[in-house]
């Protein structure tokens, strides 16, 4: 949880928006090799079968959508629950069927029918409908998370079957302590309809800010330990307020305290929005 003084460059106006079932990504799951170092076709078939099941088991809805993803001017143009978005994908949802057909409800509520297929040993997905054919690289695929990037690297989608929400079955202290948190994403100018993407963990190009080394541990005695993006270690104190909806952190020494609104807190996900500078900073952290 850090102070960032850098801002991203202004992006060019957002010209390409979602046109149905678009998916593109590069795989995070490496293809298995056999004893002679060649791709094991049996295991590859198994990968395709697993991904087919994961895709067809759920209805996918957008959690986040980015443009200019591979550039300095990367922008978050949609995030579910965000007050201002450049595009509204709240209605959008996609269902992939085992017979190779798919159905999408677009952002306008229109229903589109099409076909889909996995390509390149299950590392890409192709969708065809009345708007055209769209091929994307699969970046991440689990039972609840489907991330893809367009083949040109420009657009990036995060789709989920169940959205993260604060878990009230346990206390906020119990959820935030006893684990190590790392950054998934960091945004600046968050109140704008197109917020700046300063960092994302699986993004190969993070020219503004690299938080890959950053780690933070909160302890039940009200102290914390943080390893910064440079590897420097700092210590401080923290506390919750406003019925555990806010967290205040202060580094030891002559440093100002800052308070953040907790927007999502589960045992493995922590999202917060700094109150200073008109909610300028937003962080997404996940537990290791």
C-alpha atoms as a PDB file:
ATOM      1  CA  UNK A   1       0.000   0.000   0.000  1.00  0.00           C
ATOM      2  CA  UNK A   2       2.141   2.811  -1.271  1.00  0.00           C
ATOM      3  CA  UNK A   3       2.131   6.440  -2.324  1.00  0.00           C
ATOM      4  CA  UNK A   4       2.520   6.877  -6.067  1.00  0.00           C
ATOM      5  CA  UNK A   5       3.442  10.270  -7.468  1.00  0.00           C
ATOM      6  CA  UNK A   6       3.757   9.236 -11.110  1.00  0.00           C
ATOM      7  CA  UNK A   7       0.801   9.509 -13.457  1.00  0.00           C
ATOM      8  CA  UNK A   8       0.212   7.731 -16.700  1.00  0.00           C
ATOM      9  CA  UNK A   9       0.219   9.426 -20.054  1.00  0.00           C
ATOM     10  CA  UNK A  10      -3.133  10.450 -21.452  1.00  0.00           C
ATOM     11  CA  UNK A  11      -4.529   7.760 -23.678  1.00  0.00           C
ATOM     12  CA  UNK A  12      -5.875   8.289 -27.128  1.00  0.00           C
ATOM     13  CA  UNK A  13      -9.658   8.223 -27.258  1.00  0.00           C
ATOM     14  CA  UNK A  14     -11.120   4.774 -26.888  1.00  0.00           C
ATOM     15  CA  UNK A  15     -12.063   3.744 -30.383  1.00  0.00           C
ATOM     16  CA  UNK A  16     -12.634   0.024 -30.169  1.00  0.00           C
ATOM     17  CA  UNK A  17     -15.186  -1.411 -27.871  1.00  0.00           C
ATOM     18  CA  UNK A  18     -16.571  -4.759 -27.203  1.00  0.00           C
ATOM     19  CA  UNK A  19     -18.356  -6.470 -30.058  1.00  0.00           C
ATOM     20  CA  UNK A  20     -19.650  -9.735 -28.669  1.00  0.00           C
ATOM     21  CA  UNK A  21     -17.816 -12.854 -27.471  1.00  0.00           C
ATOM     22  CA  UNK A  22     -14.343 -11.277 -27.959  1.00  0.00           C
ATOM     23  CA  UNK A  23     -11.511 -13.245 -26.364  1.00  0.00           C
ATOM     24  CA  UNK A  24      -7.719 -13.059 -26.832  1.00  0.00           C
ATOM     25  CA  UNK A  25      -4.781 -14.025 -24.647  1.00  0.00           C
ATOM     26  CA  UNK A  26      -1.415 -15.665 -24.245  1.00  0.00           C
ATOM     27  CA  UNK A  27      -1.384 -18.741 -22.005  1.00  0.00           C
ATOM     28  CA  UNK A  28      -0.055 -18.812 -18.456  1.00  0.00           C
ATOM     29  CA  UNK A  29      -0.336 -22.599 -18.361  1.00  0.00           C
ATOM     30  CA  UNK A  30       2.682 -24.191 -20.040  1.00  0.00           C
ATOM     31  CA  UNK A  31       2.040 -27.096 -22.356  1.00  0.00           C
ATOM     32  CA  UNK A  32       3.417 -30.393 -20.999  1.00  0.00           C
ATOM     33  CA  UNK A  33       6.440 -31.975 -22.685  1.00  0.00           C
ATOM     34  CA  UNK A  34       7.239 -35.640 -23.106  1.00  0.00           C
ATOM     35  CA  UNK A  35      10.572 -37.322 -22.391  1.00  0.00           C
ATOM     36  CA  UNK A  36      12.192 -36.051 -25.592  1.00  0.00           C
ATOM     37  CA  UNK A  37      11.085 -32.484 -25.076  1.00  0.00           C
ATOM     38  CA  UNK A  38       8.197 -32.471 -27.540  1.00  0.00           C
ATOM     39  CA  UNK A  39       4.666 -31.424 -26.718  1.00  0.00           C
ATOM     40  CA  UNK A  40       2.859 -34.424 -25.279  1.00  0.00           C
ATOM     41  CA  UNK A  41      -0.237 -34.770 -27.469  1.00  0.00           C
ATOM     42  CA  UNK A  42      -2.065 -36.853 -24.867  1.00  0.00           C
ATOM     43  CA  UNK A  43      -1.530 -34.172 -22.235  1.00  0.00           C
ATOM     44  CA  UNK A  44      -2.435 -31.476 -24.755  1.00  0.00           C
ATOM     45  CA  UNK A  45      -5.725 -33.230 -25.429  1.00  0.00           C
ATOM     46  CA  UNK A  46      -6.257 -33.265 -21.676  1.00  0.00           C
ATOM     47  CA  UNK A  47      -5.586 -29.521 -21.505  1.00  0.00           C
ATOM     48  CA  UNK A  48      -8.149 -28.885 -24.236  1.00  0.00           C
ATOM     49  CA  UNK A  49     -10.656 -31.086 -22.418  1.00  0.00           C
ATOM     50  CA  UNK A  50     -10.079 -29.249 -19.125  1.00  0.00           C
ATOM     51  CA  UNK A  51     -10.425 -25.843 -20.739  1.00  0.00           C
ATOM     52  CA  UNK A  52     -13.518 -26.901 -22.638  1.00  0.00           C
ATOM     53  CA  UNK A  53     -15.119 -27.987 -19.374  1.00  0.00           C
ATOM     54  CA  UNK A  54     -14.109 -24.802 -17.563  1.00  0.00           C
ATOM     55  CA  UNK A  55     -15.484 -22.601 -20.342  1.00  0.00           C
ATOM     56  CA  UNK A  56     -18.764 -24.489 -20.707  1.00  0.00           C
ATOM     57  CA  UNK A  57     -19.465 -24.971 -17.004  1.00  0.00           C
ATOM     58  CA  UNK A  58     -20.173 -21.282 -16.337  1.00  0.00           C
ATOM     59  CA  UNK A  59     -21.830 -18.166 -17.644  1.00  0.00           C
ATOM     60  CA  UNK A  60     -19.151 -15.497 -17.996  1.00  0.00           C
ATOM     61  CA  UNK A  61     -19.659 -11.827 -17.131  1.00  0.00           C
ATOM     62  CA  UNK A  62     -17.234  -8.936 -17.255  1.00  0.00           C
ATOM     63  CA  UNK A  63     -15.452  -7.761 -14.120  1.00  0.00           C
ATOM     64  CA  UNK A  64     -12.896  -5.513 -15.883  1.00  0.00           C
ATOM     65  CA  UNK A  65     -12.088  -4.389 -19.405  1.00  0.00           C
ATOM     66  CA  UNK A  66      -8.922  -2.614 -20.587  1.00  0.00           C
ATOM     67  CA  UNK A  67      -7.837  -0.827 -23.769  1.00  0.00           C
ATOM     68  CA  UNK A  68      -4.313   0.073 -24.943  1.00  0.00           C
ATOM     69  CA  UNK A  69      -3.275  -2.744 -22.626  1.00  0.00           C
ATOM     70  CA  UNK A  70       0.254  -3.143 -24.005  1.00  0.00           C
ATOM     71  CA  UNK A  71       1.003   0.595 -24.113  1.00  0.00           C
ATOM     72  CA  UNK A  72       1.996   3.319 -21.670  1.00  0.00           C
ATOM     73  CA  UNK A  73      -1.525   4.709 -22.043  1.00  0.00           C
ATOM     74  CA  UNK A  74      -3.318   1.560 -20.810  1.00  0.00           C
ATOM     75  CA  UNK A  75      -6.777   2.376 -19.496  1.00  0.00           C
ATOM     76  CA  UNK A  76      -9.382   0.661 -17.363  1.00  0.00           C
ATOM     77  CA  UNK A  77     -12.602   1.499 -19.220  1.00  0.00           C
ATOM     78  CA  UNK A  78     -14.930  -0.794 -17.276  1.00  0.00           C
ATOM     79  CA  UNK A  79     -14.914  -2.211 -13.767  1.00  0.00           C
ATOM     80  CA  UNK A  80     -18.013  -3.679 -12.193  1.00  0.00           C
ATOM     81  CA  UNK A  81     -19.228  -1.529  -9.328  1.00  0.00           C
ATOM     82  CA  UNK A  82     -17.130   1.488 -10.326  1.00  0.00           C
ATOM     83  CA  UNK A  83     -19.063   4.760 -10.238  1.00  0.00           C
ATOM     84  CA  UNK A  84     -17.872   5.969 -13.660  1.00  0.00           C
ATOM     85  CA  UNK A  85     -17.007   3.781 -16.664  1.00  0.00           C
ATOM     86  CA  UNK A  86     -16.318   4.654 -20.286  1.00  0.00           C
ATOM     87  CA  UNK A  87     -18.361   1.667 -21.434  1.00  0.00           C
ATOM     88  CA  UNK A  88     -21.062  -0.189 -19.534  1.00  0.00           C
ATOM     89  CA  UNK A  89     -20.720  -3.957 -19.695  1.00  0.00           C
ATOM     90  CA  UNK A  90     -23.020  -4.755 -16.797  1.00  0.00           C
ATOM     91  CA  UNK A  91     -25.515  -6.546 -19.049  1.00  0.00           C
ATOM     92  CA  UNK A  92     -22.932  -8.449 -21.052  1.00  0.00           C
ATOM     93  CA  UNK A  93     -22.702 -12.207 -20.500  1.00  0.00           C
ATOM     94  CA  UNK A  94     -21.519 -15.183 -22.538  1.00  0.00           C
ATOM     95  CA  UNK A  95     -22.401 -18.873 -22.389  1.00  0.00           C
ATOM     96  CA  UNK A  96     -20.229 -21.384 -24.252  1.00  0.00           C
ATOM     97  CA  UNK A  97     -21.979 -24.665 -25.050  1.00  0.00           C
ATOM     98  CA  UNK A  98     -20.430 -28.112 -25.406  1.00  0.00           C
ATOM     99  CA  UNK A  99     -21.775 -28.436 -28.970  1.00  0.00           C
ATOM    100  CA  UNK A 100     -19.536 -25.561 -30.140  1.00  0.00           C
ATOM    101  CA  UNK A 101     -22.227 -22.882 -30.092  1.00  0.00           C
ATOM    102  CA  UNK A 102     -22.262 -19.804 -27.878  1.00  0.00           C
ATOM    103  CA  UNK A 103     -24.807 -17.227 -26.848  1.00  0.00           C
ATOM    104  CA  UNK A 104     -24.013 -13.696 -25.768  1.00  0.00           C
ATOM    105  CA  UNK A 105     -26.089 -10.932 -24.286  1.00  0.00           C
ATOM    106  CA  UNK A 106     -24.365  -7.721 -25.360  1.00  0.00           C
ATOM    107  CA  UNK A 107     -23.994  -4.496 -23.403  1.00  0.00           C
ATOM    108  CA  UNK A 108     -27.195  -3.247 -25.062  1.00  0.00           C
ATOM    109  CA  UNK A 109     -29.182  -6.369 -24.147  1.00  0.00           C
ATOM    110  CA  UNK A 110     -29.067  -7.810 -27.688  1.00  0.00           C
ATOM    111  CA  UNK A 111     -28.740 -11.580 -27.947  1.00  0.00           C
ATOM    112  CA  UNK A 112     -26.093 -12.917 -30.310  1.00  0.00           C
ATOM    113  CA  UNK A 113     -25.739 -16.535 -31.328  1.00  0.00           C
ATOM    114  CA  UNK A 114     -22.464 -17.868 -32.670  1.00  0.00           C
ATOM    115  CA  UNK A 115     -19.887 -20.631 -32.602  1.00  0.00           C
ATOM    116  CA  UNK A 116     -16.649 -21.066 -30.718  1.00  0.00           C
ATOM    117  CA  UNK A 117     -13.565 -23.304 -30.778  1.00  0.00           C
ATOM    118  CA  UNK A 118     -10.239 -23.667 -29.001  1.00  0.00           C
ATOM    119  CA  UNK A 119      -7.160 -23.253 -31.215  1.00  0.00           C
ATOM    120  CA  UNK A 120      -3.401 -23.824 -30.970  1.00  0.00           C
ATOM    121  CA  UNK A 121      -3.493 -26.636 -28.408  1.00  0.00           C
ATOM    122  CA  UNK A 122      -6.088 -24.831 -26.323  1.00  0.00           C
ATOM    123  CA  UNK A 123      -4.118 -21.610 -25.881  1.00  0.00           C
ATOM    124  CA  UNK A 124      -6.503 -19.503 -28.000  1.00  0.00           C
ATOM    125  CA  UNK A 125     -10.238 -19.198 -28.434  1.00  0.00           C
ATOM    126  CA  UNK A 126     -12.064 -18.246 -31.628  1.00  0.00           C
ATOM    127  CA  UNK A 127     -15.616 -16.916 -31.653  1.00  0.00           C
ATOM    128  CA  UNK A 128     -17.682 -16.325 -34.780  1.00  0.00           C
ATOM    129  CA  UNK A 129     -20.980 -14.440 -34.868  1.00  0.00           C
ATOM    130  CA  UNK A 130     -22.802 -11.900 -37.006  1.00  0.00           C
ATOM    131  CA  UNK A 131     -20.178  -9.251 -36.177  1.00  0.00           C
ATOM    132  CA  UNK A 132     -17.272 -11.352 -37.485  1.00  0.00           C
ATOM    133  CA  UNK A 133     -14.629 -13.753 -36.226  1.00  0.00           C
ATOM    134  CA  UNK A 134     -12.598 -12.942 -33.115  1.00  0.00           C
ATOM    135  CA  UNK A 135      -9.519 -14.864 -31.983  1.00  0.00           C
ATOM    136  CA  UNK A 136      -7.967 -14.287 -28.581  1.00  0.00           C
ATOM    137  CA  UNK A 137      -5.168 -15.666 -26.444  1.00  0.00           C
ATOM    138  CA  UNK A 138      -6.257 -17.224 -23.153  1.00  0.00           C
ATOM    139  CA  UNK A 139      -4.229 -15.654 -20.354  1.00  0.00           C
ATOM    140  CA  UNK A 140      -5.886 -17.304 -17.390  1.00  0.00           C
ATOM    141  CA  UNK A 141      -8.728 -19.793 -17.041  1.00  0.00           C
ATOM    142  CA  UNK A 142     -10.045 -21.231 -13.796  1.00  0.00           C
ATOM    143  CA  UNK A 143     -13.475 -22.228 -12.571  1.00  0.00           C
ATOM    144  CA  UNK A 144     -14.210 -18.593 -11.717  1.00  0.00           C
ATOM    145  CA  UNK A 145     -11.800 -16.502 -13.791  1.00  0.00           C
ATOM    146  CA  UNK A 146     -11.408 -16.129 -17.557  1.00  0.00           C
ATOM    147  CA  UNK A 147      -8.851 -13.591 -18.788  1.00  0.00           C
ATOM    148  CA  UNK A 148      -8.001 -12.983 -22.420  1.00  0.00           C
ATOM    149  CA  UNK A 149      -6.038 -10.545 -24.560  1.00  0.00           C
ATOM    150  CA  UNK A 150      -6.598  -9.621 -28.181  1.00  0.00           C
ATOM    151  CA  UNK A 151      -3.981 -10.962 -30.567  1.00  0.00           C
ATOM    152  CA  UNK A 152      -2.746  -7.433 -31.231  1.00  0.00           C
ATOM    153  CA  UNK A 153      -2.372  -6.895 -27.472  1.00  0.00           C
ATOM    154  CA  UNK A 154      -4.656  -3.860 -27.437  1.00  0.00           C
ATOM    155  CA  UNK A 155      -7.638  -5.092 -25.418  1.00  0.00           C
ATOM    156  CA  UNK A 156      -7.800  -7.228 -22.294  1.00  0.00           C
ATOM    157  CA  UNK A 157     -10.861  -8.703 -20.641  1.00  0.00           C
ATOM    158  CA  UNK A 158     -11.404 -10.141 -17.176  1.00  0.00           C
ATOM    159  CA  UNK A 159     -14.553 -12.246 -16.953  1.00  0.00           C
ATOM    160  CA  UNK A 160     -15.850 -14.126 -13.946  1.00  0.00           C
ATOM    161  CA  UNK A 161     -18.599 -16.537 -13.082  1.00  0.00           C
ATOM    162  CA  UNK A 162     -18.895 -15.199  -9.509  1.00  0.00           C
ATOM    163  CA  UNK A 163     -17.756 -11.696  -8.592  1.00  0.00           C
ATOM    164  CA  UNK A 164     -15.630 -11.032  -5.496  1.00  0.00           C
ATOM    165  CA  UNK A 165     -17.576  -9.455  -2.658  1.00  0.00           C
ATOM    166  CA  UNK A 166     -16.677  -8.805   0.945  1.00  0.00           C
ATOM    167  CA  UNK A 167     -17.053 -11.895   3.099  1.00  0.00           C
ATOM    168  CA  UNK A 168     -18.914 -10.939   6.286  1.00  0.00           C
ATOM    169  CA  UNK A 169     -18.778 -14.413   7.832  1.00  0.00           C
ATOM    170  CA  UNK A 170     -15.365 -13.569   9.324  1.00  0.00           C
ATOM    171  CA  UNK A 171     -14.003 -10.381  10.851  1.00  0.00           C
ATOM    172  CA  UNK A 172     -11.970  -8.036   8.699  1.00  0.00           C
ATOM    173  CA  UNK A 173      -8.984  -8.525  11.005  1.00  0.00           C
ATOM    174  CA  UNK A 174      -9.145 -12.299  10.559  1.00  0.00           C
ATOM    175  CA  UNK A 175      -9.222 -11.927   6.776  1.00  0.00           C
ATOM    176  CA  UNK A 176      -6.463  -9.360   6.457  1.00  0.00           C
ATOM    177  CA  UNK A 177      -3.953 -10.892   8.888  1.00  0.00           C
ATOM    178  CA  UNK A 178      -2.131 -14.217   8.727  1.00  0.00           C
ATOM    179  CA  UNK A 179      -1.320 -13.991   5.015  1.00  0.00           C
ATOM    180  CA  UNK A 180       1.034 -12.213   2.646  1.00  0.00           C
ATOM    181  CA  UNK A 181      -0.541  -9.819   0.137  1.00  0.00           C
ATOM    182  CA  UNK A 182       0.846  -8.983  -3.284  1.00  0.00           C
ATOM    183  CA  UNK A 183      -0.414  -6.584  -5.931  1.00  0.00           C
ATOM    184  CA  UNK A 184      -2.645  -7.791  -8.726  1.00  0.00           C
ATOM    185  CA  UNK A 185      -3.271  -4.297 -10.119  1.00  0.00           C
ATOM    186  CA  UNK A 186      -2.750  -0.623  -9.290  1.00  0.00           C
ATOM    187  CA  UNK A 187      -4.689   2.292 -10.780  1.00  0.00           C
ATOM    188  CA  UNK A 188      -4.366   6.068 -10.705  1.00  0.00           C
ATOM    189  CA  UNK A 189      -6.978   8.675 -11.611  1.00  0.00           C
ATOM    190  CA  UNK A 190      -9.449   6.050 -10.487  1.00  0.00           C
ATOM    191  CA  UNK A 191     -12.549   8.309 -10.371  1.00  0.00           C
ATOM    192  CA  UNK A 192     -12.242   9.047 -14.098  1.00  0.00           C
ATOM    193  CA  UNK A 193     -14.361   7.021 -16.513  1.00  0.00           C
ATOM    194  CA  UNK A 194     -11.092   5.770 -18.043  1.00  0.00           C
ATOM    195  CA  UNK A 195      -8.709   5.177 -15.132  1.00  0.00           C
ATOM    196  CA  UNK A 196      -4.960   4.769 -15.646  1.00  0.00           C
ATOM    197  CA  UNK A 197      -3.532   1.256 -15.352  1.00  0.00           C
ATOM    198  CA  UNK A 198      -0.204   1.741 -13.587  1.00  0.00           C
ATOM    199  CA  UNK A 199       0.525  -1.928 -12.896  1.00  0.00           C
ATOM    200  CA  UNK A 200      -0.907  -5.398 -13.465  1.00  0.00           C
ATOM    201  CA  UNK A 201       0.877  -8.547 -12.378  1.00  0.00           C
ATOM    202  CA  UNK A 202       0.556 -10.602 -15.570  1.00  0.00           C
ATOM    203  CA  UNK A 203       1.196  -7.668 -17.874  1.00  0.00           C
ATOM    204  CA  UNK A 204       4.538  -8.090 -19.623  1.00  0.00           C
ATOM    205  CA  UNK A 205       4.915  -4.313 -20.017  1.00  0.00           C
ATOM    206  CA  UNK A 206       4.637  -2.183 -16.854  1.00  0.00           C
ATOM    207  CA  UNK A 207       6.620   0.966 -17.762  1.00  0.00           C
ATOM    208  CA  UNK A 208       5.076   3.258 -15.152  1.00  0.00           C
ATOM    209  CA  UNK A 209       5.322   1.122 -12.038  1.00  0.00           C
ATOM    210  CA  UNK A 210       6.581  -2.387 -11.273  1.00  0.00           C
ATOM    211  CA  UNK A 211       5.113  -3.808  -8.077  1.00  0.00           C
ATOM    212  CA  UNK A 212       6.113  -7.412  -8.715  1.00  0.00           C
ATOM    213  CA  UNK A 213       8.347  -7.497  -5.626  1.00  0.00           C
ATOM    214  CA  UNK A 214       5.950  -5.661  -3.326  1.00  0.00           C
ATOM    215  CA  UNK A 215       4.645  -7.717  -0.386  1.00  0.00           C
ATOM    216  CA  UNK A 216       2.821  -6.715   2.786  1.00  0.00           C
ATOM    217  CA  UNK A 217       1.914  -8.567   5.973  1.00  0.00           C
ATOM    218  CA  UNK A 218      -0.575  -7.215   8.505  1.00  0.00           C
ATOM    219  CA  UNK A 219      -0.268  -8.522  12.062  1.00  0.00           C
ATOM    220  CA  UNK A 220      -2.910  -8.834  14.765  1.00  0.00           C
ATOM    221  CA  UNK A 221      -0.956  -6.515  17.098  1.00  0.00           C
ATOM    222  CA  UNK A 222      -1.633  -3.597  14.735  1.00  0.00           C
ATOM    223  CA  UNK A 223       1.757  -3.577  13.013  1.00  0.00           C
ATOM    224  CA  UNK A 224       2.725  -4.387   9.457  1.00  0.00           C
ATOM    225  CA  UNK A 225       5.795  -5.218   7.391  1.00  0.00           C
ATOM    226  CA  UNK A 226       6.110  -4.208   3.752  1.00  0.00           C
ATOM    227  CA  UNK A 227       8.662  -5.045   1.086  1.00  0.00           C
ATOM    228  CA  UNK A 228       8.632  -2.324  -1.565  1.00  0.00           C
ATOM    229  CA  UNK A 229       9.054  -2.654  -5.319  1.00  0.00           C
ATOM    230  CA  UNK A 230      12.776  -1.982  -4.828  1.00  0.00           C
ATOM    231  CA  UNK A 231      13.135  -4.686  -2.165  1.00  0.00           C
ATOM    232  CA  UNK A 232      13.386  -2.182   0.699  1.00  0.00           C
ATOM    233  CA  UNK A 233      11.699  -3.281   3.936  1.00  0.00           C
ATOM    234  CA  UNK A 234       9.568  -0.893   6.007  1.00  0.00           C
ATOM    235  CA  UNK A 235       7.442  -1.238   9.129  1.00  0.00           C
ATOM    236  CA  UNK A 236       4.427   0.599  10.445  1.00  0.00           C
ATOM    237  CA  UNK A 237       1.047   0.445  12.101  1.00  0.00           C
ATOM    238  CA  UNK A 238      -2.491  -0.096  10.839  1.00  0.00           C
ATOM    239  CA  UNK A 239      -6.044  -0.070  12.153  1.00  0.00           C
ATOM    240  CA  UNK A 240      -9.618  -0.497  10.919  1.00  0.00           C
ATOM    241  CA  UNK A 241     -12.449   2.013  11.391  1.00  0.00           C
ATOM    242  CA  UNK A 242     -16.008   2.835  10.293  1.00  0.00           C
ATOM    243  CA  UNK A 243     -17.296  -0.672  11.049  1.00  0.00           C
ATOM    244  CA  UNK A 244     -14.254  -2.213   9.387  1.00  0.00           C
ATOM    245  CA  UNK A 245     -14.927  -0.488   6.061  1.00  0.00           C
ATOM    246  CA  UNK A 246     -11.770   1.636   6.213  1.00  0.00           C
ATOM    247  CA  UNK A 247      -8.119   0.887   6.857  1.00  0.00           C
ATOM    248  CA  UNK A 248      -5.508   3.427   7.960  1.00  0.00           C
ATOM    249  CA  UNK A 249      -1.817   2.697   7.455  1.00  0.00           C
ATOM    250  CA  UNK A 250       1.156   4.708   8.742  1.00  0.00           C
ATOM    251  CA  UNK A 251       4.781   3.890   8.072  1.00  0.00           C
ATOM    252  CA  UNK A 252       7.167   4.312  11.006  1.00  0.00           C
ATOM    253  CA  UNK A 253       9.104   7.549  10.936  1.00  0.00           C
ATOM    254  CA  UNK A 254       8.143  10.933   9.620  1.00  0.00           C
ATOM    255  CA  UNK A 255       5.571   9.691   7.108  1.00  0.00           C
ATOM    256  CA  UNK A 256       1.929  10.725   6.761  1.00  0.00           C
ATOM    257  CA  UNK A 257      -0.831   8.222   7.446  1.00  0.00           C
ATOM    258  CA  UNK A 258      -3.320   7.435   4.726  1.00  0.00           C
ATOM    259  CA  UNK A 259      -6.772   5.911   4.853  1.00  0.00           C
ATOM    260  CA  UNK A 260      -8.438   3.737   2.253  1.00  0.00           C
ATOM    261  CA  UNK A 261     -12.004   2.605   1.729  1.00  0.00           C
ATOM    262  CA  UNK A 262     -12.158  -1.206   1.663  1.00  0.00           C
ATOM    263  CA  UNK A 263     -14.217  -2.162  -1.390  1.00  0.00           C
ATOM    264  CA  UNK A 264     -13.577  -5.933  -1.425  1.00  0.00           C
ATOM    265  CA  UNK A 265     -12.130  -8.100   1.343  1.00  0.00           C
ATOM    266  CA  UNK A 266     -12.087 -11.879   1.324  1.00  0.00           C
ATOM    267  CA  UNK A 267      -9.539 -14.382   2.584  1.00  0.00           C
ATOM    268  CA  UNK A 268      -7.670 -14.137  -0.725  1.00  0.00           C
ATOM    269  CA  UNK A 269      -8.583 -10.760  -2.281  1.00  0.00           C
ATOM    270  CA  UNK A 270      -8.241  -7.210  -0.958  1.00  0.00           C
ATOM    271  CA  UNK A 271      -9.334  -4.147  -2.927  1.00  0.00           C
ATOM    272  CA  UNK A 272      -9.139  -0.612  -1.599  1.00  0.00           C
ATOM    273  CA  UNK A 273      -9.514   2.991  -2.729  1.00  0.00           C
ATOM    274  CA  UNK A 274      -7.400   5.693  -1.081  1.00  0.00           C
ATOM    275  CA  UNK A 275      -9.473   8.603   0.261  1.00  0.00           C
ATOM    276  CA  UNK A 276      -6.815  11.268  -0.283  1.00  0.00           C
ATOM    277  CA  UNK A 277      -6.518  13.188  -3.566  1.00  0.00           C
ATOM    278  CA  UNK A 278     -10.196  12.576  -4.296  1.00  0.00           C
ATOM    279  CA  UNK A 279      -9.928   8.762  -4.374  1.00  0.00           C
ATOM    280  CA  UNK A 280      -7.063   8.966  -6.898  1.00  0.00           C
ATOM    281  CA  UNK A 281      -5.399   5.619  -6.065  1.00  0.00           C
ATOM    282  CA  UNK A 282      -6.968   2.147  -6.240  1.00  0.00           C
ATOM    283  CA  UNK A 283      -5.268  -1.137  -5.400  1.00  0.00           C
ATOM    284  CA  UNK A 284      -6.123  -4.778  -5.993  1.00  0.00           C
ATOM    285  CA  UNK A 285      -4.159  -7.279  -3.899  1.00  0.00           C
ATOM    286  CA  UNK A 286      -4.331 -11.053  -3.661  1.00  0.00           C
ATOM    287  CA  UNK A 287      -3.030 -13.443  -1.010  1.00  0.00           C
ATOM    288  CA  UNK A 288      -0.063 -15.654  -1.751  1.00  0.00           C
END
